[in-house]
Protein backbone atom coordinates (compact mmCIF):
# COMPACT_ATOMS: atom_id res chain seq x y z
CA MET A 1 -10.53 33.88 -16.69
CA LEU A 2 -14.09 33.02 -15.63
CA PRO A 3 -15.34 32.08 -19.14
CA ALA A 4 -12.32 29.80 -19.58
CA LEU A 5 -12.98 28.06 -16.27
CA GLN A 6 -16.61 27.53 -17.24
CA THR A 7 -15.45 25.99 -20.53
CA ASP A 8 -13.18 23.56 -18.65
CA LEU A 9 -16.03 22.53 -16.37
CA LYS A 10 -18.32 21.90 -19.34
CA LEU A 11 -15.59 19.83 -21.01
CA THR A 12 -15.21 17.71 -17.91
CA ARG A 13 -18.93 17.07 -17.61
CA SER A 14 -19.45 16.33 -21.30
CA THR A 15 -16.49 14.02 -21.91
CA GLY A 16 -15.82 12.52 -18.52
CA ILE A 17 -12.16 13.55 -18.90
CA GLU A 18 -10.71 15.77 -16.20
CA SER A 19 -9.14 19.15 -16.89
CA ASP A 20 -5.77 20.14 -15.45
CA SER A 21 -7.39 21.87 -12.47
CA ILE A 22 -10.10 19.31 -11.66
CA LYS A 23 -9.54 15.84 -10.26
CA LEU A 24 -12.36 13.41 -10.86
CA PRO A 25 -12.81 10.46 -8.47
CA TRP A 26 -11.28 7.06 -9.13
CA PHE A 27 -13.66 4.28 -10.15
CA ALA A 28 -13.00 0.59 -10.68
CA LEU A 29 -13.77 -0.87 -14.10
CA GLN A 30 -14.60 -4.55 -14.32
CA VAL A 31 -13.31 -5.97 -17.60
CA ARG A 32 -13.16 -9.32 -19.33
CA ALA A 33 -10.33 -11.66 -18.38
CA ARG A 34 -7.02 -10.74 -20.07
CA TYR A 35 -8.53 -7.51 -21.46
CA GLU A 36 -7.03 -5.31 -18.74
CA GLN A 37 -4.11 -3.90 -20.76
CA GLY A 38 -6.12 -3.52 -23.95
CA VAL A 39 -8.84 -1.53 -22.19
CA ALA A 40 -6.23 0.60 -20.44
CA ASP A 41 -4.49 1.40 -23.73
CA HIS A 42 -7.79 2.22 -25.43
CA LEU A 43 -8.99 4.59 -22.71
CA ASP A 44 -5.56 6.15 -22.30
CA GLY A 45 -5.70 7.02 -26.00
CA LYS A 46 -8.96 8.85 -25.33
CA GLY A 47 -7.33 10.96 -22.60
CA TYR A 48 -8.60 9.21 -19.48
CA GLU A 49 -6.32 8.83 -16.47
CA LEU A 50 -5.84 5.10 -15.89
CA PHE A 51 -4.17 3.02 -13.21
CA LEU A 52 -3.48 -0.65 -13.96
CA PRO A 53 -1.23 -2.00 -11.19
CA VAL A 54 0.80 -5.06 -12.17
CA TYR A 55 3.25 -7.39 -10.46
CA LYS A 56 5.94 -9.77 -11.69
CA CYS A 57 5.26 -13.48 -11.51
CA ARG A 58 6.74 -16.65 -12.96
CA LYS A 59 4.76 -18.56 -15.58
CA ARG A 60 5.62 -22.13 -16.50
CA TRP A 61 5.38 -23.38 -20.04
CA SER A 62 6.13 -26.91 -21.19
CA ASP A 63 9.75 -26.08 -21.99
CA ARG A 64 10.62 -23.09 -19.80
CA VAL A 65 9.74 -20.77 -16.94
CA LYS A 66 9.42 -17.06 -17.76
CA GLU A 67 8.90 -13.96 -15.60
CA VAL A 68 5.92 -11.91 -16.81
CA GLU A 69 3.79 -9.00 -15.60
CA ALA A 70 0.22 -9.71 -14.51
CA PRO A 71 -2.55 -7.48 -13.11
CA LEU A 72 -2.58 -7.14 -9.31
CA PHE A 73 -6.38 -7.11 -9.51
CA PRO A 74 -7.29 -9.54 -12.31
CA GLY A 75 -10.38 -8.38 -14.16
CA TYR A 76 -10.16 -4.80 -12.87
CA LEU A 77 -8.43 -1.50 -13.52
CA PHE A 78 -8.96 2.02 -12.17
CA CYS A 79 -10.02 5.13 -14.05
CA ARG A 80 -10.77 8.75 -13.14
CA LEU A 81 -14.12 9.55 -14.73
CA ASN A 82 -17.34 11.51 -14.52
CA PRO A 83 -19.95 8.94 -13.43
CA GLN A 84 -22.67 10.98 -15.12
CA ASP A 85 -21.01 10.42 -18.49
CA ARG A 86 -19.72 6.85 -18.39
CA LEU A 87 -21.31 5.62 -21.62
CA PRO A 88 -18.12 6.07 -23.71
CA ILE A 89 -16.30 3.86 -21.22
CA LEU A 90 -19.03 1.23 -21.14
CA LYS A 91 -18.88 1.05 -24.95
CA THR A 92 -15.16 0.24 -24.82
CA PRO A 93 -14.53 -3.35 -25.99
CA GLY A 94 -13.81 -5.55 -23.00
CA VAL A 95 -15.45 -3.33 -20.36
CA ILE A 96 -18.21 -5.07 -18.37
CA GLN A 97 -19.24 -2.34 -15.92
CA VAL A 98 -18.21 0.48 -13.64
CA VAL A 99 -18.19 -1.14 -10.21
CA GLY A 100 -20.86 0.08 -7.81
CA THR A 101 -24.08 -0.86 -6.05
CA ASN A 102 -27.60 -0.98 -7.47
CA ARG A 103 -26.22 0.08 -10.87
CA THR A 104 -24.78 3.25 -9.33
CA PRO A 105 -20.97 3.65 -9.68
CA THR A 106 -19.11 3.85 -6.35
CA ALA A 107 -15.86 5.81 -6.15
CA VAL A 108 -12.77 4.05 -4.82
CA ASP A 109 -11.19 5.59 -1.71
CA GLU A 110 -8.45 7.99 -2.88
CA ASN A 111 -6.17 6.91 -0.01
CA GLU A 112 -6.41 3.26 -1.07
CA ILE A 113 -5.40 4.15 -4.63
CA GLN A 114 -2.49 6.28 -3.39
CA ALA A 115 -1.28 3.43 -1.18
CA ILE A 116 -1.30 0.96 -4.09
CA GLN A 117 0.44 3.52 -6.32
CA ALA A 118 3.15 4.06 -3.71
CA MET A 119 3.68 0.32 -3.37
CA VAL A 120 3.99 -0.15 -7.15
CA ALA A 121 6.37 2.82 -7.47
CA SER A 122 8.59 1.47 -4.68
CA GLY A 123 9.64 -1.52 -6.78
CA ILE A 124 9.38 -3.83 -3.76
CA PRO A 125 8.14 -7.35 -4.66
CA ASN A 126 4.39 -7.71 -4.23
CA GLN A 127 1.56 -10.08 -5.13
CA PRO A 128 -2.23 -10.51 -4.95
CA TRP A 129 -3.48 -11.52 -1.50
CA PRO A 130 -6.76 -12.72 0.05
CA PHE A 131 -8.85 -9.74 1.16
CA LEU A 132 -8.36 -8.94 4.87
CA THR A 133 -10.27 -6.51 7.04
CA THR A 134 -9.49 -7.33 10.66
CA GLY A 135 -6.44 -7.02 12.93
CA ASP A 136 -4.23 -4.48 14.69
CA ARG A 137 -3.51 -1.27 12.82
CA VAL A 138 0.17 -0.46 12.16
CA ARG A 139 2.12 2.09 10.14
CA ILE A 140 5.44 1.89 8.27
CA GLU A 141 7.85 4.42 9.78
CA SER A 142 10.81 4.27 7.38
CA GLY A 143 11.86 3.18 3.90
CA PRO A 144 10.21 3.78 0.51
CA LEU A 145 6.74 2.95 1.89
CA SER A 146 7.04 5.22 4.93
CA GLY A 147 3.66 6.49 6.10
CA LEU A 148 1.57 3.70 4.60
CA GLU A 149 -0.81 1.73 6.80
CA GLY A 150 -2.02 -1.79 6.18
CA ILE A 151 -2.20 -5.35 7.56
CA LEU A 152 0.96 -7.09 8.73
CA VAL A 153 0.94 -10.85 8.15
CA GLU A 154 3.54 -13.59 8.16
CA PHE A 155 3.85 -15.85 5.12
CA LYS A 156 6.51 -18.55 4.78
CA GLY A 157 8.66 -16.86 7.40
CA ASN A 158 8.53 -13.41 5.77
CA HIS A 159 6.41 -10.42 6.77
CA ARG A 160 4.15 -8.76 4.24
CA LEU A 161 2.14 -5.55 4.29
CA VAL A 162 -1.37 -6.12 2.94
CA LEU A 163 -3.07 -3.19 1.16
CA SER A 164 -6.75 -3.45 0.34
CA VAL A 165 -9.29 -1.93 -2.03
CA SER A 166 -12.47 -2.23 0.01
CA LEU A 167 -14.86 -1.71 -2.90
CA LEU A 168 -13.42 -4.67 -4.82
CA GLN A 169 -12.88 -6.85 -1.73
CA ARG A 170 -9.37 -7.44 -3.07
CA SER A 171 -5.96 -7.10 -1.44
CA VAL A 172 -2.30 -7.15 -2.46
CA ALA A 173 0.75 -7.92 -0.36
CA VAL A 174 4.23 -6.39 -0.41
CA GLU A 175 7.30 -7.73 1.41
CA ILE A 176 8.25 -5.58 4.39
CA ASP A 177 10.60 -5.69 7.36
CA SER A 178 8.34 -5.72 10.44
CA ALA A 179 11.04 -3.84 12.36
CA PHE A 180 10.03 -0.74 10.37
CA VAL A 181 6.39 -0.74 11.50
CA THR A 182 4.71 0.52 14.65
CA SER A 183 1.32 -0.36 16.08
CA LEU A 184 -1.44 2.23 15.91
CA ARG A 185 -2.97 0.74 19.03
CA SER A 186 -1.65 1.01 22.56
CA THR A 187 0.01 -2.39 22.31
CA SER A 188 3.78 -2.61 22.59
CA GLY A 189 6.15 -3.56 19.81
CA PRO A 190 7.11 -6.98 21.28
CA ARG A 191 3.45 -7.98 21.55
CA LEU A 192 2.94 -7.09 17.90
CA GLU A 193 5.89 -9.29 16.90
CA LYS A 194 4.59 -12.18 18.97
CA ALA A 195 1.22 -12.04 17.28
CA ALA A 196 2.78 -12.00 13.83
CA SER A 197 5.08 -14.91 14.65
CA HIS A 198 2.06 -17.09 15.35
CA GLY A 199 0.64 -16.39 11.90
CA ARG A 200 -2.31 -14.30 13.09
CA ALA A 201 -3.28 -11.42 10.82
CA VAL A 202 -2.01 -8.21 12.38
CA SER A 203 -3.86 -5.44 10.66
CA LEU A 204 -2.23 -2.50 8.96
CA ALA A 205 -5.16 -0.63 7.45
CA VAL A 206 -5.29 1.27 4.23
């Protein structure tokens, strides 16, 4: 058993592809505009675990309006990889860089990825949203997104839960009934509703 485990570890380090028993961190890949799906398909074919969240939007052409899928984070997708062996990814057509600081890749918070995955899997309408960091923390207590935390905002009379990826300074919003959320502060429910009704960002942190 030990020799086999050592072989799996060597495979993970040499290829950047995780074995069944090892979970590599998520990293954000910056790619050229409209190359998101192509890069995802290419790396998926090489065995990497990819996450390219998309949402449905309406595009207008000269003669018609059509519903299409577009990336939730234009110019980015997420990949589990070994940062010490990222050259094969950087050589992939369309890839600009692995996002990080001072040329050092920075892993994306696992909880943030899980929150975005849960939102996408729920099938609830969602859309890109300006990045938000401040406000009162709340949690969804029921429904398909139960347990998620984020930012509660009001937009055109409807409440939305904003989920953020801090590394990218990007956020997405999903429609939510504010009656299903509770504040993570000591404030009461009615006060939370009042704040939302005035359009102030009421934070729901991811």
